[in-house]
N, C-alpha and C. Protein backbone atom coordinates (compact mmCIF):
# COMPACT_ATOMS: atom_id res chain seq x y z
N MET A 1 0.12 -4.43 -6.35
CA MET A 1 0.91 -3.71 -7.31
C MET A 1 0.59 -2.23 -7.25
N LEU A 2 -0.67 -1.91 -7.05
CA LEU A 2 -1.04 -0.50 -6.94
C LEU A 2 -0.49 0.12 -5.66
N ALA A 3 -0.33 -0.69 -4.62
CA ALA A 3 0.25 -0.17 -3.38
C ALA A 3 1.70 0.26 -3.62
N PHE A 4 2.45 -0.53 -4.38
CA PHE A 4 3.82 -0.16 -4.69
C PHE A 4 3.87 1.06 -5.61
N ALA A 5 2.90 1.15 -6.52
CA ALA A 5 2.84 2.32 -7.40
C ALA A 5 2.59 3.58 -6.57
N CYS A 6 1.71 3.49 -5.60
CA CYS A 6 1.45 4.64 -4.72
C CYS A 6 2.69 4.98 -3.89
N LEU A 7 3.39 3.97 -3.43
CA LEU A 7 4.62 4.20 -2.67
C LEU A 7 5.64 4.94 -3.53
N PHE A 8 5.80 4.54 -4.77
CA PHE A 8 6.77 5.20 -5.63
C PHE A 8 6.31 6.60 -6.04
N ILE A 9 5.00 6.82 -6.10
CA ILE A 9 4.50 8.17 -6.35
C ILE A 9 4.87 9.08 -5.18
N VAL A 10 4.72 8.58 -3.97
CA VAL A 10 5.12 9.36 -2.79
C VAL A 10 6.62 9.63 -2.82
N LEU A 11 7.41 8.64 -3.21
CA LEU A 11 8.85 8.85 -3.32
C LEU A 11 9.19 9.87 -4.41
N ALA A 12 8.42 9.89 -5.48
CA ALA A 12 8.65 10.88 -6.54
C ALA A 12 8.36 12.29 -6.04
N VAL A 13 7.30 12.43 -5.26
CA VAL A 13 6.98 13.74 -4.69
C VAL A 13 8.07 14.16 -3.71
N LEU A 14 8.51 13.23 -2.87
CA LEU A 14 9.59 13.53 -1.94
C LEU A 14 10.87 13.92 -2.69
N GLY A 15 11.17 13.19 -3.75
CA GLY A 15 12.35 13.52 -4.55
C GLY A 15 12.26 14.89 -5.19
N SER A 16 11.07 15.26 -5.64
CA SER A 16 10.93 16.59 -6.23
C SER A 16 11.07 17.68 -5.18
N LEU A 17 10.60 17.42 -3.96
CA LEU A 17 10.79 18.40 -2.88
C LEU A 17 12.25 18.54 -2.50
N VAL A 18 12.97 17.41 -2.46
CA VAL A 18 14.40 17.46 -2.18
C VAL A 18 15.12 18.15 -3.32
N GLY A 19 14.73 17.86 -4.54
CA GLY A 19 15.36 18.48 -5.70
C GLY A 19 15.12 19.98 -5.75
N ALA A 20 13.96 20.41 -5.31
CA ALA A 20 13.66 21.85 -5.29
C ALA A 20 14.34 22.55 -4.13
N GLY A 21 14.83 21.80 -3.17
CA GLY A 21 15.53 22.39 -2.04
C GLY A 21 14.65 22.73 -0.85
N THR A 22 13.38 22.32 -0.87
CA THR A 22 12.50 22.63 0.25
C THR A 22 12.64 21.63 1.39
N VAL A 23 13.14 20.43 1.09
CA VAL A 23 13.34 19.40 2.11
C VAL A 23 14.81 19.01 2.09
N GLY A 24 15.42 18.93 3.26
CA GLY A 24 16.81 18.51 3.35
C GLY A 24 17.78 19.68 3.30
N THR A 25 18.94 19.45 3.84
CA THR A 25 19.99 20.45 3.82
C THR A 25 21.25 19.82 3.25
N SER A 26 22.15 20.67 2.76
CA SER A 26 23.38 20.14 2.20
C SER A 26 24.28 19.64 3.32
N ILE A 27 25.03 18.59 3.04
CA ILE A 27 25.93 17.99 4.01
C ILE A 27 27.34 18.29 3.53
N GLY A 28 27.98 19.24 4.18
CA GLY A 28 29.31 19.63 3.74
C GLY A 28 29.23 20.28 2.38
N ALA A 29 29.99 19.76 1.42
CA ALA A 29 29.98 20.30 0.06
C ALA A 29 29.03 19.54 -0.85
N HIS A 30 28.32 18.56 -0.32
CA HIS A 30 27.42 17.74 -1.13
C HIS A 30 26.02 18.33 -1.09
N HIS A 31 25.46 18.54 -2.23
CA HIS A 31 24.10 19.05 -2.32
C HIS A 31 23.16 17.91 -2.65
N LEU A 32 22.00 17.93 -2.06
CA LEU A 32 21.04 16.84 -2.23
C LEU A 32 20.14 17.03 -3.44
N THR A 33 20.23 18.17 -4.12
CA THR A 33 19.27 18.43 -5.19
C THR A 33 19.39 17.43 -6.33
N SER A 34 20.60 17.06 -6.71
CA SER A 34 20.74 16.11 -7.81
C SER A 34 20.22 14.73 -7.40
N TYR A 35 20.43 14.36 -6.16
CA TYR A 35 19.91 13.07 -5.68
C TYR A 35 18.39 13.11 -5.60
N GLY A 36 17.84 14.24 -5.23
CA GLY A 36 16.39 14.38 -5.17
C GLY A 36 15.74 14.27 -6.53
N TRP A 37 16.34 14.94 -7.54
CA TRP A 37 15.77 14.85 -8.88
C TRP A 37 15.92 13.44 -9.45
N ALA A 38 17.03 12.77 -9.14
CA ALA A 38 17.21 11.39 -9.60
C ALA A 38 16.17 10.48 -8.96
N LEU A 39 15.90 10.68 -7.68
CA LEU A 39 14.86 9.90 -7.00
C LEU A 39 13.51 10.18 -7.62
N CYS A 40 13.23 11.42 -7.94
CA CYS A 40 11.95 11.79 -8.53
C CYS A 40 11.75 11.12 -9.89
N ILE A 41 12.77 11.18 -10.74
CA ILE A 41 12.66 10.60 -12.08
C ILE A 41 12.52 9.09 -12.01
N ASN A 42 13.33 8.44 -11.19
CA ASN A 42 13.27 6.98 -11.09
C ASN A 42 11.96 6.50 -10.48
N ALA A 43 11.51 7.16 -9.44
CA ALA A 43 10.26 6.75 -8.79
C ALA A 43 9.07 6.98 -9.71
N ALA A 44 9.07 8.07 -10.45
CA ALA A 44 7.97 8.33 -11.38
C ALA A 44 7.94 7.28 -12.49
N ALA A 45 9.11 6.90 -12.98
CA ALA A 45 9.16 5.89 -14.04
C ALA A 45 8.70 4.53 -13.53
N ILE A 46 9.10 4.15 -12.33
CA ILE A 46 8.69 2.86 -11.78
C ILE A 46 7.19 2.85 -11.50
N SER A 47 6.66 3.94 -10.95
CA SER A 47 5.23 3.97 -10.67
C SER A 47 4.42 3.95 -11.96
N ALA A 48 4.88 4.62 -13.01
CA ALA A 48 4.18 4.57 -14.29
C ALA A 48 4.20 3.16 -14.86
N LEU A 49 5.32 2.47 -14.74
CA LEU A 49 5.41 1.09 -15.21
C LEU A 49 4.46 0.18 -14.44
N LEU A 50 4.40 0.33 -13.13
CA LEU A 50 3.52 -0.51 -12.32
C LEU A 50 2.05 -0.26 -12.64
N VAL A 51 1.68 1.00 -12.81
CA VAL A 51 0.28 1.31 -13.14
C VAL A 51 -0.06 0.79 -14.53
N PHE A 52 0.85 0.93 -15.49
CA PHE A 52 0.62 0.41 -16.84
C PHE A 52 0.45 -1.10 -16.81
N ASN A 53 1.31 -1.81 -16.08
CA ASN A 53 1.20 -3.26 -15.99
C ASN A 53 -0.10 -3.68 -15.33
N PHE A 54 -0.55 -2.94 -14.32
CA PHE A 54 -1.80 -3.26 -13.64
C PHE A 54 -2.97 -3.14 -14.60
N TYR A 55 -3.06 -2.02 -15.32
CA TYR A 55 -4.18 -1.82 -16.24
C TYR A 55 -4.09 -2.73 -17.46
N ASP A 56 -2.89 -3.03 -17.91
CA ASP A 56 -2.73 -3.92 -19.05
C ASP A 56 -3.13 -5.34 -18.68
N ARG A 57 -2.81 -5.75 -17.47
CA ARG A 57 -3.18 -7.09 -17.02
C ARG A 57 -4.69 -7.23 -16.91
N HIS A 58 -5.37 -6.19 -16.39
CA HIS A 58 -6.81 -6.27 -16.23
C HIS A 58 -7.55 -6.06 -17.55
N ARG A 59 -6.94 -5.37 -18.48
CA ARG A 59 -7.59 -5.13 -19.78
C ARG A 59 -7.51 -6.38 -20.65
N SER A 60 -6.40 -7.10 -20.58
CA SER A 60 -6.23 -8.28 -21.45
C SER A 60 -6.82 -9.55 -20.85
N ARG A 61 -7.33 -9.47 -19.65
CA ARG A 61 -7.92 -10.63 -19.00
C ARG A 61 -9.28 -10.93 -19.59
N PRO A 62 -9.57 -12.19 -19.94
CA PRO A 62 -10.89 -12.53 -20.49
C PRO A 62 -11.97 -12.43 -19.41
N HIS A 63 -13.14 -11.98 -19.83
CA HIS A 63 -14.24 -11.79 -18.86
C HIS A 63 -15.13 -12.98 -18.84
């Protein structure tokens, strides 16, 4: 689960770079910045959910 969280963190960073315009170029009249920011927001939310579930599962487990 942490591996997927790390993967989505990397996707969030990539999305923020695309959203900022440092990675990727526009294709015709379509700009990638809105898609980059959407990728960043979604990937950050999924990675936060996965990390929360991981820590919640280990915290509520009896020792």
